[in-house]
């Protein structure tokens, strides 16, 4: 499940403000602020946020002993002709 920390990290990586994420995800800025503060969110809202970030090239890293995180998706190298 997407965490408040991952949302903040993803926004920072993309240099998006709260309003920018909200507009792109089709939610309100107040909703983003509440989620980032650790308040509960509807699963559909978290899915919209995650899909928005993934479309922008962010990959979410789950708990694997080192903690949750985010990273940019490695670009697919173009095939040589």
PDB file of N, CA and C in Angstrom:
ATOM      1  N   UNK A   1       0.845  -1.181   0.000  1.00  0.00           N
ATOM      2  CA  UNK A   1       0.000   0.000   0.000  1.00  0.00           C
ATOM      3  C   UNK A   1       0.893   1.249   0.000  1.00  0.00           C
ATOM      4  N   UNK A   2       0.502   2.205  -0.741  1.00  0.00           N
ATOM      5  CA  UNK A   2       1.201   3.479  -0.845  1.00  0.00           C
ATOM      6  C   UNK A   2       1.205   4.188   0.513  1.00  0.00           C
ATOM      7  N   UNK A   3       2.360   4.732   0.905  1.00  0.00           N
ATOM      8  CA  UNK A   3       2.449   5.424   2.191  1.00  0.00           C
ATOM      9  C   UNK A   3       2.566   6.927   1.990  1.00  0.00           C
ATOM     10  N   UNK A   4       2.304   7.664   3.067  1.00  0.00           N
ATOM     11  CA  UNK A   4       2.427   9.125   3.032  1.00  0.00           C
ATOM     12  C   UNK A   4       3.856   9.521   2.679  1.00  0.00           C
ATOM     13  N   UNK A   5       4.817   8.786   3.216  1.00  0.00           N
ATOM     14  CA  UNK A   5       6.223   9.089   2.944  1.00  0.00           C
ATOM     15  C   UNK A   5       6.547   8.911   1.469  1.00  0.00           C
ATOM     16  N   UNK A   6       6.037   7.845   0.861  1.00  0.00           N
ATOM     17  CA  UNK A   6       6.286   7.613  -0.563  1.00  0.00           C
ATOM     18  C   UNK A   6       5.673   8.721  -1.419  1.00  0.00           C
ATOM     19  N   UNK A   7       4.516   9.193  -1.042  1.00  0.00           N
ATOM     20  CA  UNK A   7       3.877  10.271  -1.799  1.00  0.00           C
ATOM     21  C   UNK A   7       4.732  11.524  -1.729  1.00  0.00           C
ATOM     22  N   UNK A   8       5.197  11.860  -0.521  1.00  0.00           N
ATOM     23  CA  UNK A   8       6.060  13.040  -0.383  1.00  0.00           C
ATOM     24  C   UNK A   8       7.361  12.869  -1.169  1.00  0.00           C
ATOM     25  N   UNK A   9       7.951  11.674  -1.107  1.00  0.00           N
ATOM     26  CA  UNK A   9       9.201  11.429  -1.840  1.00  0.00           C
ATOM     27  C   UNK A   9       8.983  11.529  -3.354  1.00  0.00           C
ATOM     28  N   UNK A  10       7.887  10.972  -3.831  1.00  0.00           N
ATOM     29  CA  UNK A  10       7.609  11.006  -5.267  1.00  0.00           C
ATOM     30  C   UNK A  10       7.370  12.441  -5.737  1.00  0.00           C
ATOM     31  N   UNK A  11       6.643  13.216  -4.946  1.00  0.00           N
ATOM     32  CA  UNK A  11       6.429  14.623  -5.316  1.00  0.00           C
ATOM     33  C   UNK A  11       7.751  15.363  -5.370  1.00  0.00           C
ATOM     34  N   UNK A  12       8.606  15.111  -4.395  1.00  0.00           N
ATOM     35  CA  UNK A  12       9.914  15.781  -4.368  1.00  0.00           C
ATOM     36  C   UNK A  12      10.762  15.373  -5.572  1.00  0.00           C
ATOM     37  N   UNK A  13      10.742  14.105  -5.917  1.00  0.00           N
ATOM     38  CA  UNK A  13      11.529  13.625  -7.061  1.00  0.00           C
ATOM     39  C   UNK A  13      11.089  14.297  -8.356  1.00  0.00           C
ATOM     40  N   UNK A  14       9.799  14.528  -8.478  1.00  0.00           N
ATOM     41  CA  UNK A  14       9.258  15.134  -9.698  1.00  0.00           C
ATOM     42  C   UNK A  14       9.183  16.662  -9.611  1.00  0.00           C
ATOM     43  N   UNK A  15       9.499  17.189  -8.434  1.00  0.00           N
ATOM     44  CA  UNK A  15       9.403  18.636  -8.186  1.00  0.00           C
ATOM     45  C   UNK A  15       7.990  19.148  -8.401  1.00  0.00           C
ATOM     46  N   UNK A  16       7.027  18.361  -7.914  1.00  0.00           N
ATOM     47  CA  UNK A  16       5.619  18.728  -7.982  1.00  0.00           C
ATOM     48  C   UNK A  16       5.184  19.258  -6.624  1.00  0.00           C
ATOM     49  N   UNK A  17       4.358  20.282  -6.638  1.00  0.00           N
ATOM     50  CA  UNK A  17       3.728  20.752  -5.417  1.00  0.00           C
ATOM     51  C   UNK A  17       2.466  19.950  -5.141  1.00  0.00           C
ATOM     52  N   UNK A  18       1.859  20.215  -4.013  1.00  0.00           N
ATOM     53  CA  UNK A  18       0.613  19.538  -3.642  1.00  0.00           C
ATOM     54  C   UNK A  18      -0.458  19.797  -4.691  1.00  0.00           C
ATOM     55  N   UNK A  19      -0.571  21.039  -5.115  1.00  0.00           N
ATOM     56  CA  UNK A  19      -1.605  21.377  -6.118  1.00  0.00           C
ATOM     57  C   UNK A  19      -1.340  20.686  -7.447  1.00  0.00           C
ATOM     58  N   UNK A  20      -0.077  20.591  -7.840  1.00  0.00           N
ATOM     59  CA  UNK A  20       0.261  19.930  -9.101  1.00  0.00           C
ATOM     60  C   UNK A  20      -0.134  18.467  -9.093  1.00  0.00           C
ATOM     61  N   UNK A  21       0.165  17.769  -7.993  1.00  0.00           N
ATOM     62  CA  UNK A  21      -0.242  16.365  -7.879  1.00  0.00           C
ATOM     63  C   UNK A  21      -1.757  16.263  -7.889  1.00  0.00           C
ATOM     64  N   UNK A  22      -2.410  17.119  -7.129  1.00  0.00           N
ATOM     65  CA  UNK A  22      -3.872  17.068  -7.039  1.00  0.00           C
ATOM     66  C   UNK A  22      -4.519  17.239  -8.408  1.00  0.00           C
ATOM     67  N   UNK A  23      -4.055  18.220  -9.172  1.00  0.00           N
ATOM     68  CA  UNK A  23      -4.623  18.450 -10.506  1.00  0.00           C
ATOM     69  C   UNK A  23      -4.412  17.243 -11.405  1.00  0.00           C
ATOM     70  N   UNK A  24      -3.203  16.700 -11.395  1.00  0.00           N
ATOM     71  CA  UNK A  24      -2.887  15.563 -12.269  1.00  0.00           C
ATOM     72  C   UNK A  24      -3.668  14.304 -11.878  1.00  0.00           C
ATOM     73  N   UNK A  25      -3.906  14.119 -10.569  1.00  0.00           N
ATOM     74  CA  UNK A  25      -4.597  12.924 -10.086  1.00  0.00           C
ATOM     75  C   UNK A  25      -6.111  13.084 -10.038  1.00  0.00           C
ATOM     76  N   UNK A  26      -6.605  14.303 -10.252  1.00  0.00           N
ATOM     77  CA  UNK A  26      -8.044  14.536 -10.230  1.00  0.00           C
ATOM     78  C   UNK A  26      -8.632  14.518  -8.829  1.00  0.00           C
ATOM     79  N   UNK A  27      -7.851  14.992  -7.856  1.00  0.00           N
ATOM     80  CA  UNK A  27      -8.316  15.074  -6.477  1.00  0.00           C
ATOM     81  C   UNK A  27      -8.041  16.489  -5.970  1.00  0.00           C
ATOM     82  N   UNK A  28      -8.442  16.771  -4.741  1.00  0.00           N
ATOM     83  CA  UNK A  28      -8.209  18.117  -4.214  1.00  0.00           C
ATOM     84  C   UNK A  28      -6.861  18.193  -3.506  1.00  0.00           C
ATOM     85  N   UNK A  29      -6.329  19.398  -3.437  1.00  0.00           N
ATOM     86  CA  UNK A  29      -5.070  19.626  -2.719  1.00  0.00           C
ATOM     87  C   UNK A  29      -5.235  19.293  -1.244  1.00  0.00           C
ATOM     88  N   UNK A  30      -6.403  19.562  -0.690  1.00  0.00           N
ATOM     89  CA  UNK A  30      -6.658  19.244   0.723  1.00  0.00           C
ATOM     90  C   UNK A  30      -6.565  17.734   0.959  1.00  0.00           C
ATOM     91  N   UNK A  31      -7.010  16.956  -0.010  1.00  0.00           N
ATOM     92  CA  UNK A  31      -6.922  15.499   0.114  1.00  0.00           C
ATOM     93  C   UNK A  31      -5.466  15.054   0.137  1.00  0.00           C
ATOM     94  N   UNK A  32      -4.653  15.606  -0.747  1.00  0.00           N
ATOM     95  CA  UNK A  32      -3.222  15.270  -0.765  1.00  0.00           C
ATOM     96  C   UNK A  32      -2.597  15.624   0.582  1.00  0.00           C
ATOM     97  N   UNK A  33      -2.890  16.802   1.081  1.00  0.00           N
ATOM     98  CA  UNK A  33      -2.330  17.249   2.358  1.00  0.00           C
ATOM     99  C   UNK A  33      -2.735  16.322   3.490  1.00  0.00           C
ATOM    100  N   UNK A  34      -4.006  15.913   3.522  1.00  0.00           N
ATOM    101  CA  UNK A  34      -4.480  14.999   4.572  1.00  0.00           C
ATOM    102  C   UNK A  34      -3.757  13.651   4.496  1.00  0.00           C
ATOM    103  N   UNK A  35      -3.621  13.108   3.284  1.00  0.00           N
ATOM    104  CA  UNK A  35      -2.966  11.811   3.123  1.00  0.00           C
ATOM    105  C   UNK A  35      -1.503  11.907   3.538  1.00  0.00           C
ATOM    106  N   UNK A  36      -0.830  12.978   3.127  1.00  0.00           N
ATOM    107  CA  UNK A  36       0.574  13.146   3.480  1.00  0.00           C
ATOM    108  C   UNK A  36       0.768  13.348   4.982  1.00  0.00           C
ATOM    109  N   UNK A  37      -0.263  13.766   5.668  1.00  0.00           N
ATOM    110  CA  UNK A  37      -0.208  13.921   7.123  1.00  0.00           C
ATOM    111  C   UNK A  37      -0.493  12.605   7.840  1.00  0.00           C
ATOM    112  N   UNK A  38      -0.752  11.551   7.068  1.00  0.00           N
ATOM    113  CA  UNK A  38      -0.972  10.237   7.652  1.00  0.00           C
ATOM    114  C   UNK A  38      -2.420   9.894   7.942  1.00  0.00           C
ATOM    115  N   UNK A  39      -3.341  10.725   7.452  1.00  0.00           N
ATOM    116  CA  UNK A  39      -4.765  10.446   7.661  1.00  0.00           C
ATOM    117  C   UNK A  39      -5.211   9.371   6.669  1.00  0.00           C
ATOM    118  N   UNK A  40      -6.277   8.638   6.976  1.00  0.00           N
ATOM    119  CA  UNK A  40      -6.759   7.572   6.088  1.00  0.00           C
ATOM    120  C   UNK A  40      -7.249   8.125   4.743  1.00  0.00           C
ATOM    121  N   UNK A  41      -7.180   7.270   3.732  1.00  0.00           N
ATOM    122  CA  UNK A  41      -7.650   7.651   2.394  1.00  0.00           C
ATOM    123  C   UNK A  41      -8.403   6.487   1.773  1.00  0.00           C
ATOM    124  N   UNK A  42      -9.298   6.817   0.870  1.00  0.00           N
ATOM    125  CA  UNK A  42     -10.010   5.782   0.139  1.00  0.00           C
ATOM    126  C   UNK A  42      -9.028   5.053  -0.783  1.00  0.00           C
ATOM    127  N   UNK A  43      -9.201   3.737  -0.931  1.00  0.00           N
ATOM    128  CA  UNK A  43      -8.313   2.991  -1.819  1.00  0.00           C
ATOM    129  C   UNK A  43      -8.283   3.558  -3.237  1.00  0.00           C
ATOM    130  N   UNK A  44      -9.418   4.014  -3.742  1.00  0.00           N
ATOM    131  CA  UNK A  44      -9.479   4.577  -5.089  1.00  0.00           C
ATOM    132  C   UNK A  44      -8.646   5.843  -5.227  1.00  0.00           C
ATOM    133  N   UNK A  45      -8.586   6.627  -4.158  1.00  0.00           N
ATOM    134  CA  UNK A  45      -7.781   7.848  -4.169  1.00  0.00           C
ATOM    135  C   UNK A  45      -6.303   7.502  -4.225  1.00  0.00           C
ATOM    136  N   UNK A  46      -5.886   6.523  -3.416  1.00  0.00           N
ATOM    137  CA  UNK A  46      -4.486   6.096  -3.440  1.00  0.00           C
ATOM    138  C   UNK A  46      -4.112   5.491  -4.791  1.00  0.00           C
ATOM    139  N   UNK A  47      -5.044   4.767  -5.391  1.00  0.00           N
ATOM    140  CA  UNK A  47      -4.794   4.184  -6.717  1.00  0.00           C
ATOM    141  C   UNK A  47      -4.613   5.288  -7.756  1.00  0.00           C
ATOM    142  N   UNK A  48      -5.412   6.353  -7.667  1.00  0.00           N
ATOM    143  CA  UNK A  48      -5.293   7.468  -8.608  1.00  0.00           C
ATOM    144  C   UNK A  48      -3.946   8.163  -8.441  1.00  0.00           C
ATOM    145  N   UNK A  49      -3.511   8.349  -7.205  1.00  0.00           N
ATOM    146  CA  UNK A  49      -2.217   8.979  -6.951  1.00  0.00           C
ATOM    147  C   UNK A  49      -1.095   8.100  -7.495  1.00  0.00           C
ATOM    148  N   UNK A  50      -1.163   6.813  -7.193  1.00  0.00           N
ATOM    149  CA  UNK A  50      -0.115   5.905  -7.649  1.00  0.00           C
ATOM    150  C   UNK A  50      -0.053   5.854  -9.173  1.00  0.00           C
ATOM    151  N   UNK A  51      -1.191   5.769  -9.828  1.00  0.00           N
ATOM    152  CA  UNK A  51      -1.225   5.726 -11.293  1.00  0.00           C
ATOM    153  C   UNK A  51      -0.649   7.008 -11.888  1.00  0.00           C
ATOM    154  N   UNK A  52      -0.929   8.143 -11.268  1.00  0.00           N
ATOM    155  CA  UNK A  52      -0.406   9.427 -11.735  1.00  0.00           C
ATOM    156  C   UNK A  52       1.113   9.444 -11.656  1.00  0.00           C
ATOM    157  N   UNK A  53       1.654   9.004 -10.526  1.00  0.00           N
ATOM    158  CA  UNK A  53       3.106   8.962 -10.375  1.00  0.00           C
ATOM    159  C   UNK A  53       3.747   7.958 -11.326  1.00  0.00           C
ATOM    160  N   UNK A  54       3.139   6.801 -11.472  1.00  0.00           N
ATOM    161  CA  UNK A  54       3.704   5.783 -12.360  1.00  0.00           C
ATOM    162  C   UNK A  54       3.715   6.257 -13.808  1.00  0.00           C
ATOM    163  N   UNK A  55       2.685   6.988 -14.203  1.00  0.00           N
ATOM    164  CA  UNK A  55       2.651   7.539 -15.563  1.00  0.00           C
ATOM    165  C   UNK A  55       3.757   8.569 -15.775  1.00  0.00           C
ATOM    166  N   UNK A  56       4.211   9.185 -14.680  1.00  0.00           N
ATOM    167  CA  UNK A  56       5.280  10.185 -14.750  1.00  0.00           C
ATOM    168  C   UNK A  56       6.669   9.554 -14.610  1.00  0.00           C
ATOM    169  N   UNK A  57       6.721   8.220 -14.468  1.00  0.00           N
ATOM    170  CA  UNK A  57       8.007   7.537 -14.415  1.00  0.00           C
ATOM    171  C   UNK A  57       8.515   7.180 -13.038  1.00  0.00           C
ATOM    172  N   UNK A  58       7.638   7.172 -12.049  1.00  0.00           N
ATOM    173  CA  UNK A  58       8.032   6.812 -10.683  1.00  0.00           C
ATOM    174  C   UNK A  58       7.651   5.360 -10.427  1.00  0.00           C
ATOM    175  N   UNK A  59       8.553   4.638  -9.776  1.00  0.00           N
ATOM    176  CA  UNK A  59       8.286   3.268  -9.348  1.00  0.00           C
ATOM    177  C   UNK A  59       8.312   3.245  -7.824  1.00  0.00           C
ATOM    178  N   UNK A  60       7.373   2.549  -7.220  1.00  0.00           N
ATOM    179  CA  UNK A  60       7.290   2.459  -5.765  1.00  0.00           C
ATOM    180  C   UNK A  60       7.966   1.184  -5.295  1.00  0.00           C
ATOM    181  N   UNK A  61       8.782   1.319  -4.262  1.00  0.00           N
ATOM    182  CA  UNK A  61       9.527   0.202  -3.704  1.00  0.00           C
ATOM    183  C   UNK A  61       8.873  -0.174  -2.388  1.00  0.00           C
ATOM    184  N   UNK A  62       8.474  -1.430  -2.278  1.00  0.00           N
ATOM    185  CA  UNK A  62       7.829  -1.898  -1.057  1.00  0.00           C
ATOM    186  C   UNK A  62       8.837  -2.181   0.040  1.00  0.00           C
ATOM    187  N   UNK A  63       8.337  -2.505   1.212  1.00  0.00           N
ATOM    188  CA  UNK A  63       9.186  -2.852   2.356  1.00  0.00           C
ATOM    189  C   UNK A  63       9.959  -4.119   2.011  1.00  0.00           C
ATOM    190  N   UNK A  64      11.262  -4.027   2.051  1.00  0.00           N
ATOM    191  CA  UNK A  64      12.107  -5.178   1.733  1.00  0.00           C
ATOM    192  C   UNK A  64      13.248  -5.305   2.729  1.00  0.00           C
ATOM    193  N   UNK A  65      13.007  -4.840   3.921  1.00  0.00           N
ATOM    194  CA  UNK A  65      14.043  -4.854   4.940  1.00  0.00           C
ATOM    195  C   UNK A  65      14.791  -3.542   5.014  1.00  0.00           C
ATOM    196  N   UNK A  66      14.744  -2.762   3.936  1.00  0.00           N
ATOM    197  CA  UNK A  66      15.433  -1.478   3.912  1.00  0.00           C
ATOM    198  C   UNK A  66      14.484  -0.305   3.980  1.00  0.00           C
ATOM    199  N   UNK A  67      13.201  -0.578   4.048  1.00  0.00           N
ATOM    200  CA  UNK A  67      12.211   0.488   4.099  1.00  0.00           C
ATOM    201  C   UNK A  67      11.598   0.771   2.741  1.00  0.00           C
ATOM    202  N   UNK A  68      10.435   1.409   2.770  1.00  0.00           N
ATOM    203  CA  UNK A  68       9.742   1.750   1.538  1.00  0.00           C
ATOM    204  C   UNK A  68      10.444   2.926   0.872  1.00  0.00           C
ATOM    205  N   UNK A  69      10.205   3.092  -0.425  1.00  0.00           N
ATOM    206  CA  UNK A  69      10.820   4.205  -1.129  1.00  0.00           C
ATOM    207  C   UNK A  69      10.233   4.384  -2.511  1.00  0.00           C
ATOM    208  N   UNK A  70      10.878   5.232  -3.286  1.00  0.00           N
ATOM    209  CA  UNK A  70      10.498   5.486  -4.671  1.00  0.00           C
ATOM    210  C   UNK A  70      11.771   5.616  -5.498  1.00  0.00           C
ATOM    211  N   UNK A  71      11.641   5.410  -6.771  1.00  0.00           N
ATOM    212  CA  UNK A  71      12.751   5.642  -7.690  1.00  0.00           C
ATOM    213  C   UNK A  71      12.181   5.879  -9.076  1.00  0.00           C
ATOM    214  N   UNK A  72      13.018   6.487  -9.904  1.00  0.00           N
ATOM    215  CA  UNK A  72      12.616   6.654 -11.290  1.00  0.00           C
ATOM    216  C   UNK A  72      12.747   5.313 -11.988  1.00  0.00           C
ATOM    217  N   UNK A  73      11.803   5.024 -12.866  1.00  0.00           N
ATOM    218  CA  UNK A  73      11.864   3.805 -13.651  1.00  0.00           C
ATOM    219  C   UNK A  73      13.034   3.930 -14.616  1.00  0.00           C
ATOM    220  N   UNK A  74      13.808   2.876 -14.732  1.00  0.00           N
ATOM    221  CA  UNK A  74      14.934   2.887 -15.649  1.00  0.00           C
ATOM    222  C   UNK A  74      14.392   2.979 -17.070  1.00  0.00           C
ATOM    223  N   UNK A  75      14.860   3.959 -17.833  1.00  0.00           N
ATOM    224  CA  UNK A  75      14.364   4.086 -19.214  1.00  0.00           C
ATOM    225  C   UNK A  75      14.740   2.862 -20.047  1.00  0.00           C
ATOM    226  N   UNK A  76      13.849   2.466 -20.910  1.00  0.00           N
ATOM    227  CA  UNK A  76      14.116   1.366 -21.811  1.00  0.00           C
ATOM    228  C   UNK A  76      15.013   1.871 -22.921  1.00  0.00           C
ATOM    229  N   UNK A  77      16.150   1.232 -23.076  1.00  0.00           N
ATOM    230  CA  UNK A  77      17.065   1.693 -24.135  1.00  0.00           C
ATOM    231  C   UNK A  77      16.480   1.356 -25.490  1.00  0.00           C
ATOM    232  N   UNK A  78      16.674   2.236 -26.426  1.00  0.00           N
ATOM    233  CA  UNK A  78      16.145   2.011 -27.772  1.00  0.00           C
ATOM    234  C   UNK A  78      17.010   0.971 -28.482  1.00  0.00           C
ATOM    235  N   UNK A  79      16.373   0.182 -29.297  1.00  0.00           N
ATOM    236  CA  UNK A  79      17.100  -0.850 -30.036  1.00  0.00           C
ATOM    237  C   UNK A  79      17.854  -0.200 -31.186  1.00  0.00           C
ATOM    238  N   UNK A  80      19.079  -0.669 -31.395  1.00  0.00           N
ATOM    239  CA  UNK A  80      19.875  -0.153 -32.506  1.00  0.00           C
ATOM    240  C   UNK A  80      19.346  -0.706 -33.812  1.00  0.00           C
ATOM    241  N   UNK A  81      19.383   0.129 -34.859  1.00  0.00           N
ATOM    242  CA  UNK A  81      18.893  -0.324 -36.170  1.00  0.00           C
ATOM    243  C   UNK A  81      19.917  -1.122 -36.898  1.00  0.00           C
TER     244      UNK A  81
END
